[in-house]
Protein backbone atom coordinates (compact mmCIF):
# COMPACT_ATOMS: atom_id res chain seq x y z
CA MET A 1 -28.39 64.16 -17.60
CA LYS A 2 -31.79 62.82 -18.60
CA PHE A 3 -33.56 65.80 -17.34
CA GLY A 4 -30.93 68.18 -18.75
CA LEU A 5 -31.49 66.69 -22.01
CA LEU A 6 -35.08 67.00 -21.96
CA VAL A 7 -35.06 70.62 -20.61
CA GLY A 8 -32.83 71.59 -23.39
CA VAL A 9 -34.70 69.79 -26.10
CA GLY A 10 -38.26 70.52 -24.62
CA PHE A 11 -37.89 74.34 -23.96
CA VAL A 12 -34.75 75.68 -25.50
CA ALA A 13 -34.92 73.84 -28.90
CA ALA A 14 -38.59 74.23 -29.19
CA SER A 15 -38.47 78.01 -28.52
CA PHE A 16 -35.54 78.32 -30.79
CA GLY A 17 -37.47 76.19 -33.55
CA ILE A 18 -40.46 78.68 -33.54
CA ASN A 19 -38.26 81.69 -33.65
CA TYR A 20 -36.17 80.25 -36.52
CA GLN A 21 -39.37 79.33 -38.29
CA PHE A 22 -40.61 82.92 -38.17
CA SER A 23 -37.47 84.28 -39.35
CA ASN A 24 -36.76 81.96 -42.12
CA LYS A 25 -33.43 80.43 -40.78
CA SER A 26 -32.22 77.29 -41.68
CA PHE A 27 -32.62 73.94 -40.06
CA ARG A 28 -28.91 73.35 -39.87
CA LEU A 29 -28.46 76.50 -38.24
CA LEU A 30 -31.45 75.66 -35.58
CA LEU A 31 -29.58 72.21 -34.78
CA ILE A 32 -26.29 74.12 -34.03
CA ASP A 33 -27.79 76.63 -31.98
CA ALA A 34 -30.02 74.54 -30.03
CA GLY A 35 -27.42 71.86 -30.02
CA TYR A 36 -25.08 74.17 -28.06
CA HIS A 37 -27.87 75.06 -25.47
CA CYS A 38 -28.77 71.56 -24.84
CA SER A 39 -25.09 70.46 -24.36
CA GLN A 40 -25.11 73.17 -21.57
CA PHE A 41 -28.16 71.88 -19.75
CA VAL A 42 -26.43 68.57 -19.81
CA ILE A 43 -23.46 69.70 -18.41
CA TYR A 44 -25.47 71.56 -15.70
CA ALA A 45 -27.13 68.49 -14.77
CA ILE A 46 -24.19 66.58 -14.46
CA ILE A 47 -22.56 69.00 -12.49
CA LEU A 48 -25.78 69.44 -9.88
CA GLY A 49 -25.63 65.76 -10.01
CA LEU A 50 -22.11 65.38 -8.85
CA TRP A 51 -22.78 67.94 -6.30
CA HIS A 52 -25.77 66.54 -4.90
C-alpha cells in the first residue's frame, strides 16, 4: 500500500499539479482528480500484494 500511495502521489499528483497550474484550475479539483488516481494505485498495490 505504501508503494502504491508513493507512486500515486509522487508521479500522478505531481503531474496533474503541473498541468492544473498552467490551466488555472482550482486546487480542490486537483485533489479530487489526483485522489481518484492515487486510490487506484493503492488498490492495484493491494491486489498485487495479495496475489504475490
